[in-house]
Amino acid sequence: MGTLTYILPSVFLSVIGQLLLKQGMSGMGSLSLGNNNVVALIWRIFTNPWIIVGVGCYVVGLLFWLIALSRAPLSIVYPFAALTMALVVFSSALVFGEQITFTRLVGVAAIVLGVAVVARS
């Protein structure tokens, strides 16, 4: 199997993980640290089913990522992580109704173009 076979699942699992983490945290309202509530806050976060599944996606994605790192130079593999940012912009618009401004669209295009240049090298 090619290295992309391991990079792409890692990227997609990271995107899914971010969406799940956002869903879980959105239901909790605005949080902050302070006044000795750290333990209660950690418990509340890590007992949230959305968070648990989101972290699970990251763990499985990490496995794919580590295999990709064992197969190719970091300078080739790492730029593909930027695809996660681009995909999160579009996914958050679809899932959460977030706005994609022209500036964000230009930024995403620059990211994708950069990854394409690295991939061709």
PDB file of N, CA and C in Angstrom:
ATOM      1  N   MET A   1       0.833  -1.182   0.000  1.00  0.00           N
ATOM      2  CA  MET A   1       0.000   0.000   0.000  1.00  0.00           C
ATOM      3  C   MET A   1       0.877   1.246   0.000  1.00  0.00           C
ATOM      4  N   GLY A   2       0.407   2.280  -0.678  1.00  0.00           N
ATOM      5  CA  GLY A   2       1.150   3.530  -0.732  1.00  0.00           C
ATOM      6  C   GLY A   2       0.986   4.342   0.534  1.00  0.00           C
ATOM      7  N   THR A   3       1.857   5.301   0.703  1.00  0.00           N
ATOM      8  CA  THR A   3       1.827   6.154   1.891  1.00  0.00           C
ATOM      9  C   THR A   3       0.518   6.923   2.009  1.00  0.00           C
ATOM     10  N   LEU A   4      -0.042   7.333   0.870  1.00  0.00           N
ATOM     11  CA  LEU A   4      -1.327   8.056   0.914  1.00  0.00           C
ATOM     12  C   LEU A   4      -2.436   7.215   1.535  1.00  0.00           C
ATOM     13  N   THR A   5      -2.312   5.910   1.422  1.00  0.00           N
ATOM     14  CA  THR A   5      -3.292   4.995   2.004  1.00  0.00           C
ATOM     15  C   THR A   5      -3.347   5.169   3.525  1.00  0.00           C
ATOM     16  N   TYR A   6      -2.255   5.648   4.103  1.00  0.00           N
ATOM     17  CA  TYR A   6      -2.213   5.877   5.550  1.00  0.00           C
ATOM     18  C   TYR A   6      -2.425   7.344   5.910  1.00  0.00           C
ATOM     19  N   ILE A   7      -1.958   8.244   5.040  1.00  0.00           N
ATOM     20  CA  ILE A   7      -2.112   9.669   5.329  1.00  0.00           C
ATOM     21  C   ILE A   7      -3.576  10.091   5.273  1.00  0.00           C
ATOM     22  N   LEU A   8      -4.276   9.698   4.233  1.00  0.00           N
ATOM     23  CA  LEU A   8      -5.660  10.171   4.048  1.00  0.00           C
ATOM     24  C   LEU A   8      -6.611   9.726   5.154  1.00  0.00           C
ATOM     25  N   PRO A   9      -6.560   8.458   5.604  1.00  0.00           N
ATOM     26  CA  PRO A   9      -7.435   8.115   6.744  1.00  0.00           C
ATOM     27  C   PRO A   9      -7.104   8.938   7.989  1.00  0.00           C
ATOM     28  N   SER A  10      -5.831   9.227   8.186  1.00  0.00           N
ATOM     29  CA  SER A  10      -5.449  10.050   9.325  1.00  0.00           C
ATOM     30  C   SER A  10      -6.062  11.440   9.214  1.00  0.00           C
ATOM     31  N   VAL A  11      -5.998  12.025   8.029  1.00  0.00           N
ATOM     32  CA  VAL A  11      -6.568  13.356   7.799  1.00  0.00           C
ATOM     33  C   VAL A  11      -8.080  13.328   8.028  1.00  0.00           C
ATOM     34  N   PHE A  12      -8.768  12.355   7.440  1.00  0.00           N
ATOM     35  CA  PHE A  12     -10.221  12.299   7.573  1.00  0.00           C
ATOM     36  C   PHE A  12     -10.651  12.024   9.014  1.00  0.00           C
ATOM     37  N   LEU A  13      -9.923  11.165   9.715  1.00  0.00           N
ATOM     38  CA  LEU A  13     -10.258  10.903  11.115  1.00  0.00           C
ATOM     39  C   LEU A  13     -10.026  12.143  11.981  1.00  0.00           C
ATOM     40  N   SER A  14      -9.030  12.941  11.633  1.00  0.00           N
ATOM     41  CA  SER A  14      -8.801  14.198  12.354  1.00  0.00           C
ATOM     42  C   SER A  14      -9.962  15.170  12.146  1.00  0.00           C
ATOM     43  N   VAL A  15     -10.449  15.251  10.915  1.00  0.00           N
ATOM     44  CA  VAL A  15     -11.593  16.127  10.623  1.00  0.00           C
ATOM     45  C   VAL A  15     -12.820  15.652  11.386  1.00  0.00           C
ATOM     46  N   ILE A  16     -13.097  14.373  11.315  1.00  0.00           N
ATOM     47  CA  ILE A  16     -14.251  13.821  12.036  1.00  0.00           C
ATOM     48  C   ILE A  16     -14.086  14.059  13.534  1.00  0.00           C
ATOM     49  N   GLY A  17     -12.874  13.848  14.044  1.00  0.00           N
ATOM     50  CA  GLY A  17     -12.605  14.089  15.457  1.00  0.00           C
ATOM     51  C   GLY A  17     -12.882  15.532  15.847  1.00  0.00           C
ATOM     52  N   GLN A  18     -12.452  16.491  15.014  1.00  0.00           N
ATOM     53  CA  GLN A  18     -12.704  17.899  15.302  1.00  0.00           C
ATOM     54  C   GLN A  18     -14.199  18.210  15.339  1.00  0.00           C
ATOM     55  N   LEU A  19     -14.928  17.658  14.385  1.00  0.00           N
ATOM     56  CA  LEU A  19     -16.379  17.889  14.346  1.00  0.00           C
ATOM     57  C   LEU A  19     -17.052  17.327  15.601  1.00  0.00           C
ATOM     58  N   LEU A  20     -16.631  16.145  16.013  1.00  0.00           N
ATOM     59  CA  LEU A  20     -17.206  15.533  17.216  1.00  0.00           C
ATOM     60  C   LEU A  20     -16.840  16.319  18.465  1.00  0.00           C
ATOM     61  N   LEU A  21     -15.590  16.773  18.539  1.00  0.00           N
ATOM     62  CA  LEU A  21     -15.180  17.569  19.694  1.00  0.00           C
ATOM     63  C   LEU A  21     -15.968  18.874  19.761  1.00  0.00           C
ATOM     64  N   LYS A  22     -16.153  19.507  18.623  1.00  0.00           N
ATOM     65  CA  LYS A  22     -16.936  20.752  18.584  1.00  0.00           C
ATOM     66  C   LYS A  22     -18.377  20.503  19.022  1.00  0.00           C
ATOM     67  N   GLN A  23     -18.960  19.419  18.532  1.00  0.00           N
ATOM     68  CA  GLN A  23     -20.327  19.083  18.923  1.00  0.00           C
ATOM     69  C   GLN A  23     -20.422  18.895  20.434  1.00  0.00           C
ATOM     70  N   GLY A  24     -19.473  18.153  20.979  1.00  0.00           N
ATOM     71  CA  GLY A  24     -19.480  17.917  22.419  1.00  0.00           C
ATOM     72  C   GLY A  24     -19.294  19.186  23.229  1.00  0.00           C
ATOM     73  N   MET A  25     -18.378  20.034  22.790  1.00  0.00           N
ATOM     74  CA  MET A  25     -18.104  21.254  23.539  1.00  0.00           C
ATOM     75  C   MET A  25     -19.199  22.294  23.360  1.00  0.00           C
ATOM     76  N   SER A  26     -19.862  22.294  22.215  1.00  0.00           N
ATOM     77  CA  SER A  26     -20.942  23.257  21.996  1.00  0.00           C
ATOM     78  C   SER A  26     -22.074  23.062  22.986  1.00  0.00           C
ATOM     79  N   GLY A  27     -22.316  21.828  23.370  1.00  0.00           N
ATOM     80  CA  GLY A  27     -23.377  21.541  24.323  1.00  0.00           C
ATOM     81  C   GLY A  27     -23.042  21.932  25.746  1.00  0.00           C
ATOM     82  N   MET A  28     -21.797  22.297  26.006  1.00  0.00           N
ATOM     83  CA  MET A  28     -21.374  22.626  27.371  1.00  0.00           C
ATOM     84  C   MET A  28     -21.375  24.115  27.645  1.00  0.00           C
ATOM     85  N   GLY A  29     -21.552  24.918  26.627  1.00  0.00           N
ATOM     86  CA  GLY A  29     -21.486  26.357  26.826  1.00  0.00           C
ATOM     87  C   GLY A  29     -20.039  26.828  26.942  1.00  0.00           C
ATOM     88  N   SER A  30     -19.866  28.078  27.272  1.00  0.00           N
ATOM     89  CA  SER A  30     -18.543  28.670  27.386  1.00  0.00           C
ATOM     90  C   SER A  30     -17.886  28.222  28.691  1.00  0.00           C
ATOM     91  N   LEU A  31     -16.724  27.626  28.596  1.00  0.00           N
ATOM     92  CA  LEU A  31     -16.022  27.112  29.777  1.00  0.00           C
ATOM     93  C   LEU A  31     -14.784  27.946  30.064  1.00  0.00           C
ATOM     94  N   SER A  32     -14.299  27.864  31.303  1.00  0.00           N
ATOM     95  CA  SER A  32     -13.048  28.520  31.665  1.00  0.00           C
ATOM     96  C   SER A  32     -12.425  27.773  32.837  1.00  0.00           C
ATOM     97  N   LEU A  33     -11.139  28.006  33.012  1.00  0.00           N
ATOM     98  CA  LEU A  33     -10.417  27.425  34.136  1.00  0.00           C
ATOM     99  C   LEU A  33     -10.398  28.423  35.278  1.00  0.00           C
ATOM    100  N   GLY A  34     -10.428  27.911  36.471  1.00  0.00           N
ATOM    101  CA  GLY A  34     -10.324  28.802  37.619  1.00  0.00           C
ATOM    102  C   GLY A  34     -11.157  28.329  38.783  1.00  0.00           C
ATOM    103  N   ASN A  35     -10.887  28.928  39.926  1.00  0.00           N
ATOM    104  CA  ASN A  35     -11.640  28.676  41.154  1.00  0.00           C
ATOM    105  C   ASN A  35     -11.756  27.195  41.501  1.00  0.00           C
ATOM    106  N   ASN A  36     -10.669  26.478  41.358  1.00  0.00           N
ATOM    107  CA  ASN A  36     -10.600  25.069  41.765  1.00  0.00           C
ATOM    108  C   ASN A  36     -11.622  24.173  41.073  1.00  0.00           C
ATOM    109  N   ASN A  37     -12.022  24.516  39.855  1.00  0.00           N
ATOM    110  CA  ASN A  37     -13.000  23.687  39.150  1.00  0.00           C
ATOM    111  C   ASN A  37     -12.355  22.812  38.085  1.00  0.00           C
ATOM    112  N   VAL A  38     -11.032  22.702  38.091  1.00  0.00           N
ATOM    113  CA  VAL A  38     -10.321  21.992  37.034  1.00  0.00           C
ATOM    114  C   VAL A  38     -10.714  20.522  37.000  1.00  0.00           C
ATOM    115  N   VAL A  39     -10.749  19.861  38.137  1.00  0.00           N
ATOM    116  CA  VAL A  39     -11.081  18.436  38.172  1.00  0.00           C
ATOM    117  C   VAL A  39     -12.515  18.215  37.695  1.00  0.00           C
ATOM    118  N   ALA A  40     -13.435  19.024  38.153  1.00  0.00           N
ATOM    119  CA  ALA A  40     -14.831  18.896  37.717  1.00  0.00           C
ATOM    120  C   ALA A  40     -14.960  19.174  36.225  1.00  0.00           C
ATOM    121  N   LEU A  41     -14.222  20.149  35.749  1.00  0.00           N
ATOM    122  CA  LEU A  41     -14.252  20.484  34.328  1.00  0.00           C
ATOM    123  C   LEU A  41     -13.709  19.333  33.479  1.00  0.00           C
ATOM    124  N   ILE A  42     -12.586  18.767  33.902  1.00  0.00           N
ATOM    125  CA  ILE A  42     -12.005  17.630  33.175  1.00  0.00           C
ATOM    126  C   ILE A  42     -12.976  16.460  33.170  1.00  0.00           C
ATOM    127  N   TRP A  43     -13.578  16.188  34.303  1.00  0.00           N
ATOM    128  CA  TRP A  43     -14.558  15.087  34.390  1.00  0.00           C
ATOM    129  C   TRP A  43     -15.730  15.336  33.442  1.00  0.00           C
ATOM    130  N   ARG A  44     -16.230  16.542  33.453  1.00  0.00           N
ATOM    131  CA  ARG A  44     -17.375  16.898  32.594  1.00  0.00           C
ATOM    132  C   ARG A  44     -17.027  16.744  31.118  1.00  0.00           C
ATOM    133  N   ILE A  45     -15.847  17.185  30.743  1.00  0.00           N
ATOM    134  CA  ILE A  45     -15.429  17.094  29.343  1.00  0.00           C
ATOM    135  C   ILE A  45     -15.244  15.646  28.922  1.00  0.00           C
ATOM    136  N   PHE A  46     -14.486  14.894  29.706  1.00  0.00           N
ATOM    137  CA  PHE A  46     -14.109  13.549  29.273  1.00  0.00           C
ATOM    138  C   PHE A  46     -15.139  12.472  29.580  1.00  0.00           C
ATOM    139  N   THR A  47     -16.292  12.866  30.094  1.00  0.00           N
ATOM    140  CA  THR A  47     -17.404  11.923  30.202  1.00  0.00           C
ATOM    141  C   THR A  47     -18.477  12.227  29.162  1.00  0.00           C
ATOM    142  N   ASN A  48     -18.228  13.211  28.327  1.00  0.00           N
ATOM    143  CA  ASN A  48     -19.150  13.569  27.252  1.00  0.00           C
ATOM    144  C   ASN A  48     -18.967  12.571  26.107  1.00  0.00           C
ATOM    145  N   PRO A  49     -20.027  11.884  25.684  1.00  0.00           N
ATOM    146  CA  PRO A  49     -19.898  10.867  24.630  1.00  0.00           C
ATOM    147  C   PRO A  49     -19.316  11.418  23.324  1.00  0.00           C
ATOM    148  N   TRP A  50     -19.659  12.639  22.950  1.00  0.00           N
ATOM    149  CA  TRP A  50     -19.101  13.228  21.725  1.00  0.00           C
ATOM    150  C   TRP A  50     -17.584  13.363  21.836  1.00  0.00           C
ATOM    151  N   ILE A  51     -17.135  13.785  23.006  1.00  0.00           N
ATOM    152  CA  ILE A  51     -15.699  13.969  23.237  1.00  0.00           C
ATOM    153  C   ILE A  51     -14.992  12.614  23.211  1.00  0.00           C
ATOM    154  N   ILE A  52     -15.583  11.633  23.844  1.00  0.00           N
ATOM    155  CA  ILE A  52     -14.981  10.300  23.897  1.00  0.00           C
ATOM    156  C   ILE A  52     -14.789   9.747  22.484  1.00  0.00           C
ATOM    157  N   VAL A  53     -15.811   9.840  21.662  1.00  0.00           N
ATOM    158  CA  VAL A  53     -15.716   9.326  20.288  1.00  0.00           C
ATOM    159  C   VAL A  53     -14.744  10.176  19.471  1.00  0.00           C
ATOM    160  N   GLY A  54     -14.755  11.504  19.681  1.00  0.00           N
ATOM    161  CA  GLY A  54     -13.832  12.384  18.979  1.00  0.00           C
ATOM    162  C   GLY A  54     -12.381  12.061  19.298  1.00  0.00           C
ATOM    163  N   VAL A  55     -12.084  11.846  20.566  1.00  0.00           N
ATOM    164  CA  VAL A  55     -10.723  11.467  20.968  1.00  0.00           C
ATOM    165  C   VAL A  55     -10.377  10.098  20.388  1.00  0.00           C
ATOM    166  N   GLY A  56     -11.351   9.200  20.360  1.00  0.00           N
ATOM    167  CA  GLY A  56     -11.127   7.888  19.746  1.00  0.00           C
ATOM    168  C   GLY A  56     -10.737   8.005  18.281  1.00  0.00           C
ATOM    169  N   CYS A  57     -11.385   8.919  17.560  1.00  0.00           N
ATOM    170  CA  CYS A  57     -11.027   9.161  16.157  1.00  0.00           C
ATOM    171  C   CYS A  57      -9.582   9.625  16.056  1.00  0.00           C
ATOM    172  N   TYR A  58      -9.181  10.504  16.959  1.00  0.00           N
ATOM    173  CA  TYR A  58      -7.799  10.976  16.959  1.00  0.00           C
ATOM    174  C   TYR A  58      -6.815   9.837  17.215  1.00  0.00           C
ATOM    175  N   VAL A  59      -7.143   8.953  18.136  1.00  0.00           N
ATOM    176  CA  VAL A  59      -6.244   7.840  18.459  1.00  0.00           C
ATOM    177  C   VAL A  59      -6.080   6.914  17.256  1.00  0.00           C
ATOM    178  N   VAL A  60      -7.178   6.575  16.603  1.00  0.00           N
ATOM    179  CA  VAL A  60      -7.093   5.716  15.411  1.00  0.00           C
ATOM    180  C   VAL A  60      -6.358   6.459  14.293  1.00  0.00           C
ATOM    181  N   GLY A  61      -6.647   7.738  14.134  1.00  0.00           N
ATOM    182  CA  GLY A  61      -5.948   8.542  13.133  1.00  0.00           C
ATOM    183  C   GLY A  61      -4.455   8.606  13.409  1.00  0.00           C
ATOM    184  N   LEU A  62      -4.094   8.672  14.687  1.00  0.00           N
ATOM    185  CA  LEU A  62      -2.685   8.688  15.067  1.00  0.00           C
ATOM    186  C   LEU A  62      -1.983   7.412  14.627  1.00  0.00           C
ATOM    187  N   LEU A  63      -2.650   6.299  14.738  1.00  0.00           N
ATOM    188  CA  LEU A  63      -2.066   5.035  14.280  1.00  0.00           C
ATOM    189  C   LEU A  63      -1.730   5.110  12.790  1.00  0.00           C
ATOM    190  N   PHE A  64      -2.681   5.578  11.993  1.00  0.00           N
ATOM    191  CA  PHE A  64      -2.427   5.732  10.554  1.00  0.00           C
ATOM    192  C   PHE A  64      -1.282   6.725  10.309  1.00  0.00           C
ATOM    193  N   TRP A  65      -1.269   7.811  11.066  1.00  0.00           N
ATOM    194  CA  TRP A  65      -0.243   8.840  10.911  1.00  0.00           C
ATOM    195  C   TRP A  65       1.146   8.272  11.205  1.00  0.00           C
ATOM    196  N   LEU A  66       1.258   7.512  12.276  1.00  0.00           N
ATOM    197  CA  LEU A  66       2.549   6.935  12.641  1.00  0.00           C
ATOM    198  C   LEU A  66       3.047   5.961  11.576  1.00  0.00           C
ATOM    199  N   ILE A  67       2.137   5.194  11.008  1.00  0.00           N
ATOM    200  CA  ILE A  67       2.534   4.289   9.925  1.00  0.00           C
ATOM    201  C   ILE A  67       3.017   5.097   8.722  1.00  0.00           C
ATOM    202  N   ALA A  68       2.314   6.168   8.397  1.00  0.00           N
ATOM    203  CA  ALA A  68       2.743   7.027   7.280  1.00  0.00           C
ATOM    204  C   ALA A  68       4.128   7.604   7.546  1.00  0.00           C
ATOM    205  N   LEU A  69       4.378   8.027   8.789  1.00  0.00           N
ATOM    206  CA  LEU A  69       5.694   8.574   9.126  1.00  0.00           C
ATOM    207  C   LEU A  69       6.796   7.539   8.988  1.00  0.00           C
ATOM    208  N   SER A  70       6.447   6.281   9.196  1.00  0.00           N
ATOM    209  CA  SER A  70       7.462   5.225   9.062  1.00  0.00           C
ATOM    210  C   SER A  70       7.778   4.927   7.603  1.00  0.00           C
ATOM    211  N   ARG A  71       6.952   5.402   6.691  1.00  0.00           N
ATOM    212  CA  ARG A  71       7.086   5.056   5.284  1.00  0.00           C
ATOM    213  C   ARG A  71       7.617   6.171   4.393  1.00  0.00           C
ATOM    214  N   ALA A  72       7.592   7.414   4.876  1.00  0.00           N
ATOM    215  CA  ALA A  72       7.978   8.533   4.022  1.00  0.00           C
ATOM    216  C   ALA A  72       8.626   9.635   4.863  1.00  0.00           C
ATOM    217  N   PRO A  73       9.379  10.528   4.218  1.00  0.00           N
ATOM    218  CA  PRO A  73      10.002  11.634   4.952  1.00  0.00           C
ATOM    219  C   PRO A  73       8.958  12.554   5.581  1.00  0.00           C
ATOM    220  N   LEU A  74       9.282  13.079   6.737  1.00  0.00           N
ATOM    221  CA  LEU A  74       8.390  13.989   7.436  1.00  0.00           C
ATOM    222  C   LEU A  74       8.067  15.207   6.573  1.00  0.00           C
ATOM    223  N   SER A  75       9.040  15.664   5.805  1.00  0.00           N
ATOM    224  CA  SER A  75       8.828  16.847   4.966  1.00  0.00           C
ATOM    225  C   SER A  75       7.808  16.604   3.861  1.00  0.00           C
ATOM    226  N   ILE A  76       7.529  15.359   3.561  1.00  0.00           N
ATOM    227  CA  ILE A  76       6.491  15.019   2.582  1.00  0.00           C
ATOM    228  C   ILE A  76       5.165  14.758   3.291  1.00  0.00           C
ATOM    229  N   VAL A  77       5.215  14.021   4.383  1.00  0.00           N
ATOM    230  CA  VAL A  77       3.995  13.616   5.089  1.00  0.00           C
ATOM    231  C   VAL A  77       3.333  14.794   5.797  1.00  0.00           C
ATOM    232  N   TYR A  78       4.114  15.614   6.478  1.00  0.00           N
ATOM    233  CA  TYR A  78       3.530  16.643   7.341  1.00  0.00           C
ATOM    234  C   TYR A  78       2.659  17.666   6.618  1.00  0.00           C
ATOM    235  N   PRO A  79       3.028  18.129   5.438  1.00  0.00           N
ATOM    236  CA  PRO A  79       2.150  19.100   4.780  1.00  0.00           C
ATOM    237  C   PRO A  79       0.730  18.589   4.550  1.00  0.00           C
ATOM    238  N   PHE A  80       0.547  17.281   4.466  1.00  0.00           N
ATOM    239  CA  PHE A  80      -0.798  16.740   4.295  1.00  0.00           C
ATOM    240  C   PHE A  80      -1.669  17.013   5.513  1.00  0.00           C
ATOM    241  N   ALA A  81      -1.062  17.245   6.667  1.00  0.00           N
ATOM    242  CA  ALA A  81      -1.841  17.592   7.857  1.00  0.00           C
ATOM    243  C   ALA A  81      -2.600  18.897   7.639  1.00  0.00           C
ATOM    244  N   ALA A  82      -2.077  19.757   6.769  1.00  0.00           N
ATOM    245  CA  ALA A  82      -2.750  21.017   6.477  1.00  0.00           C
ATOM    246  C   ALA A  82      -4.095  20.795   5.795  1.00  0.00           C
ATOM    247  N   LEU A  83      -4.234  19.660   5.124  1.00  0.00           N
ATOM    248  CA  LEU A  83      -5.528  19.358   4.510  1.00  0.00           C
ATOM    249  C   LEU A  83      -6.634  19.278   5.554  1.00  0.00           C
ATOM    250  N   THR A  84      -6.256  18.901   6.763  1.00  0.00           N
ATOM    251  CA  THR A  84      -7.233  18.842   7.844  1.00  0.00           C
ATOM    252  C   THR A  84      -7.875  20.211   8.041  1.00  0.00           C
ATOM    253  N   MET A  85      -7.063  21.259   8.024  1.00  0.00           N
ATOM    254  CA  MET A  85      -7.596  22.618   8.203  1.00  0.00           C
ATOM    255  C   MET A  85      -8.577  22.968   7.091  1.00  0.00           C
ATOM    256  N   ALA A  86      -8.208  22.648   5.876  1.00  0.00           N
ATOM    257  CA  ALA A  86      -9.076  22.968   4.740  1.00  0.00           C
ATOM    258  C   ALA A  86     -10.394  22.204   4.840  1.00  0.00           C
ATOM    259  N   LEU A  87     -10.309  20.928   5.149  1.00  0.00           N
ATOM    260  CA  LEU A  87     -11.518  20.111   5.228  1.00  0.00           C
ATOM    261  C   LEU A  87     -12.400  20.509   6.412  1.00  0.00           C
ATOM    262  N   VAL A  88     -11.791  20.953   7.502  1.00  0.00           N
ATOM    263  CA  VAL A  88     -12.579  21.402   8.656  1.00  0.00           C
ATOM    264  C   VAL A  88     -13.384  22.649   8.305  1.00  0.00           C
ATOM    265  N   VAL A  89     -12.808  23.548   7.505  1.00  0.00           N
ATOM    266  CA  VAL A  89     -13.537  24.758   7.105  1.00  0.00           C
ATOM    267  C   VAL A  89     -14.822  24.377   6.371  1.00  0.00           C
ATOM    268  N   PHE A  90     -14.707  23.475   5.396  1.00  0.00           N
ATOM    269  CA  PHE A  90     -15.891  23.083   4.623  1.00  0.00           C
ATOM    270  C   PHE A  90     -16.847  22.220   5.453  1.00  0.00           C
ATOM    271  N   SER A  91     -16.299  21.316   6.250  1.00  0.00           N
ATOM    272  CA  SER A  91     -17.145  20.442   7.072  1.00  0.00           C
ATOM    273  C   SER A  91     -17.914  21.225   8.122  1.00  0.00           C
ATOM    274  N   SER A  92     -17.274  22.216   8.724  1.00  0.00           N
ATOM    275  CA  SER A  92     -17.969  22.998   9.752  1.00  0.00           C
ATOM    276  C   SER A  92     -19.079  23.848   9.131  1.00  0.00           C
ATOM    277  N   ALA A  93     -18.898  24.229   7.881  1.00  0.00           N
ATOM    278  CA  ALA A  93     -19.977  24.942   7.188  1.00  0.00           C
ATOM    279  C   ALA A  93     -21.157  24.010   6.950  1.00  0.00           C
ATOM    280  N   LEU A  94     -20.870  22.792   6.548  1.00  0.00           N
ATOM    281  CA  LEU A  94     -21.943  21.816   6.290  1.00  0.00           C
ATOM    282  C   LEU A  94     -22.635  21.361   7.568  1.00  0.00           C
ATOM    283  N   VAL A  95     -21.845  21.060   8.585  1.00  0.00           N
ATOM    284  CA  VAL A  95     -22.405  20.466   9.800  1.00  0.00           C
ATOM    285  C   VAL A  95     -22.964  21.520  10.758  1.00  0.00           C
ATOM    286  N   PHE A  96     -22.239  22.621  10.932  1.00  0.00           N
ATOM    287  CA  PHE A  96     -22.630  23.616  11.935  1.00  0.00           C
ATOM    288  C   PHE A  96     -23.156  24.915  11.337  1.00  0.00           C
ATOM    289  N   GLY A  97     -23.175  25.002  10.025  1.00  0.00           N
ATOM    290  CA  GLY A  97     -23.672  26.214   9.385  1.00  0.00           C
ATOM    291  C   GLY A  97     -22.738  27.407   9.506  1.00  0.00           C
ATOM    292  N   GLU A  98     -21.471  27.154   9.765  1.00  0.00           N
ATOM    293  CA  GLU A  98     -20.504  28.246   9.874  1.00  0.00           C
ATOM    294  C   GLU A  98     -20.284  28.880   8.506  1.00  0.00           C
ATOM    295  N   GLN A  99     -19.964  30.155   8.509  1.00  0.00           N
ATOM    296  CA  GLN A  99     -19.784  30.898   7.266  1.00  0.00           C
ATOM    297  C   GLN A  99     -18.378  30.693   6.702  1.00  0.00           C
ATOM    298  N   ILE A 100     -18.309  30.555   5.387  1.00  0.00           N
ATOM    299  CA  ILE A 100     -17.017  30.528   4.701  1.00  0.00           C
ATOM    300  C   ILE A 100     -16.882  31.865   3.981  1.00  0.00           C
ATOM    301  N   THR A 101     -16.074  32.721   4.555  1.00  0.00           N
ATOM    302  CA  THR A 101     -15.870  34.032   3.953  1.00  0.00           C
ATOM    303  C   THR A 101     -14.912  33.910   2.765  1.00  0.00           C
ATOM    304  N   PHE A 102     -14.851  34.943   1.967  1.00  0.00           N
ATOM    305  CA  PHE A 102     -13.938  34.953   0.828  1.00  0.00           C
ATOM    306  C   PHE A 102     -12.491  34.797   1.304  1.00  0.00           C
ATOM    307  N   THR A 103     -12.163  35.468   2.395  1.00  0.00           N
ATOM    308  CA  THR A 103     -10.799  35.382   2.936  1.00  0.00           C
ATOM    309  C   THR A 103     -10.467  33.952   3.347  1.00  0.00           C
ATOM    310  N   ARG A 104     -11.389  33.267   4.003  1.00  0.00           N
ATOM    311  CA  ARG A 104     -11.158  31.865   4.374  1.00  0.00           C
ATOM    312  C   ARG A 104     -11.012  31.000   3.141  1.00  0.00           C
ATOM    313  N   LEU A 105     -11.829  31.258   2.144  1.00  0.00           N
ATOM    314  CA  LEU A 105     -11.758  30.486   0.905  1.00  0.00           C
ATOM    315  C   LEU A 105     -10.395  30.651   0.235  1.00  0.00           C
ATOM    316  N   VAL A 106      -9.883  31.869   0.207  1.00  0.00           N
ATOM    317  CA  VAL A 106      -8.547  32.114  -0.357  1.00  0.00           C
ATOM    318  C   VAL A 106      -7.486  31.380   0.464  1.00  0.00           C
ATOM    319  N   GLY A 107      -7.615  31.417   1.777  1.00  0.00           N
ATOM    320  CA  GLY A 107      -6.678  30.705   2.647  1.00  0.00           C
ATOM    321  C   GLY A 107      -6.698  29.208   2.414  1.00  0.00           C
ATOM    322  N   VAL A 108      -7.888  28.647   2.285  1.00  0.00           N
ATOM    323  CA  VAL A 108      -8.020  27.216   2.027  1.00  0.00           C
ATOM    324  C   VAL A 108      -7.411  26.872   0.669  1.00  0.00           C
ATOM    325  N   ALA A 109      -7.653  27.706  -0.326  1.00  0.00           N
ATOM    326  CA  ALA A 109      -7.077  27.469  -1.653  1.00  0.00           C
ATOM    327  C   ALA A 109      -5.552  27.472  -1.580  1.00  0.00           C
ATOM    328  N   ALA A 110      -4.987  28.387  -0.799  1.00  0.00           N
ATOM    329  CA  ALA A 110      -3.528  28.439  -0.642  1.00  0.00           C
ATOM    330  C   ALA A 110      -3.007  27.168   0.026  1.00  0.00           C
ATOM    331  N   ILE A 111      -3.731  26.681   1.023  1.00  0.00           N
ATOM    332  CA  ILE A 111      -3.336  25.446   1.704  1.00  0.00           C
ATOM    333  C   ILE A 111      -3.350  24.271   0.732  1.00  0.00           C
ATOM    334  N   VAL A 112      -4.439  24.137   0.004  1.00  0.00           N
ATOM    335  CA  VAL A 112      -4.574  23.021  -0.939  1.00  0.00           C
ATOM    336  C   VAL A 112      -3.506  23.102  -2.025  1.00  0.00           C
ATOM    337  N   LEU A 113      -3.263  24.290  -2.524  1.00  0.00           N
ATOM    338  CA  LEU A 113      -2.225  24.474  -3.542  1.00  0.00           C
ATOM    339  C   LEU A 113      -0.853  24.103  -2.980  1.00  0.00           C
ATOM    340  N   GLY A 114      -0.581  24.511  -1.774  1.00  0.00           N
ATOM    341  CA  GLY A 114       0.690  24.170  -1.142  1.00  0.00           C
ATOM    342  C   GLY A 114       0.875  22.665  -0.974  1.00  0.00           C
ATOM    343  N   VAL A 115      -0.173  21.994  -0.540  1.00  0.00           N
ATOM    344  CA  VAL A 115      -0.099  20.530  -0.388  1.00  0.00           C
ATOM    345  C   VAL A 115       0.116  19.876  -1.742  1.00  0.00           C
ATOM    346  N   ALA A 116      -0.563  20.377  -2.779  1.00  0.00           N
ATOM    347  CA  ALA A 116      -0.400  19.817  -4.133  1.00  0.00           C
ATOM    348  C   ALA A 116       1.036  19.977  -4.619  1.00  0.00           C
ATOM    349  N   VAL A 117       1.639  21.128  -4.341  1.00  0.00           N
ATOM    350  CA  VAL A 117       3.034  21.358  -4.751  1.00  0.00           C
ATOM    351  C   VAL A 117       3.966  20.373  -4.040  1.00  0.00           C
ATOM    352  N   VAL A 118       3.766  20.213  -2.735  1.00  0.00           N
ATOM    353  CA  VAL A 118       4.601  19.284  -1.980  1.00  0.00           C
ATOM    354  C   VAL A 118       4.392  17.847  -2.464  1.00  0.00           C
ATOM    355  N   ALA A 119       3.145  17.483  -2.728  1.00  0.00           N
ATOM    356  CA  ALA A 119       2.840  16.110  -3.159  1.00  0.00           C
ATOM    357  C   ALA A 119       3.494  15.796  -4.504  1.00  0.00           C
ATOM    358  N   ARG A 120       3.600  16.786  -5.356  1.00  0.00           N
ATOM    359  CA  ARG A 120       4.218  16.572  -6.679  1.00  0.00           C
ATOM    360  C   ARG A 120       5.733  16.494  -6.610  1.00  0.00           C
ATOM    361  N   SER A 121       6.300  16.989  -5.512  1.00  0.00           N
ATOM    362  CA  SER A 121       7.758  16.963  -5.409  1.00  0.00           C
ATOM    363  C   SER A 121       8.171  15.569  -5.088  1.00  0.00           C
TER     364      SER A 121
END
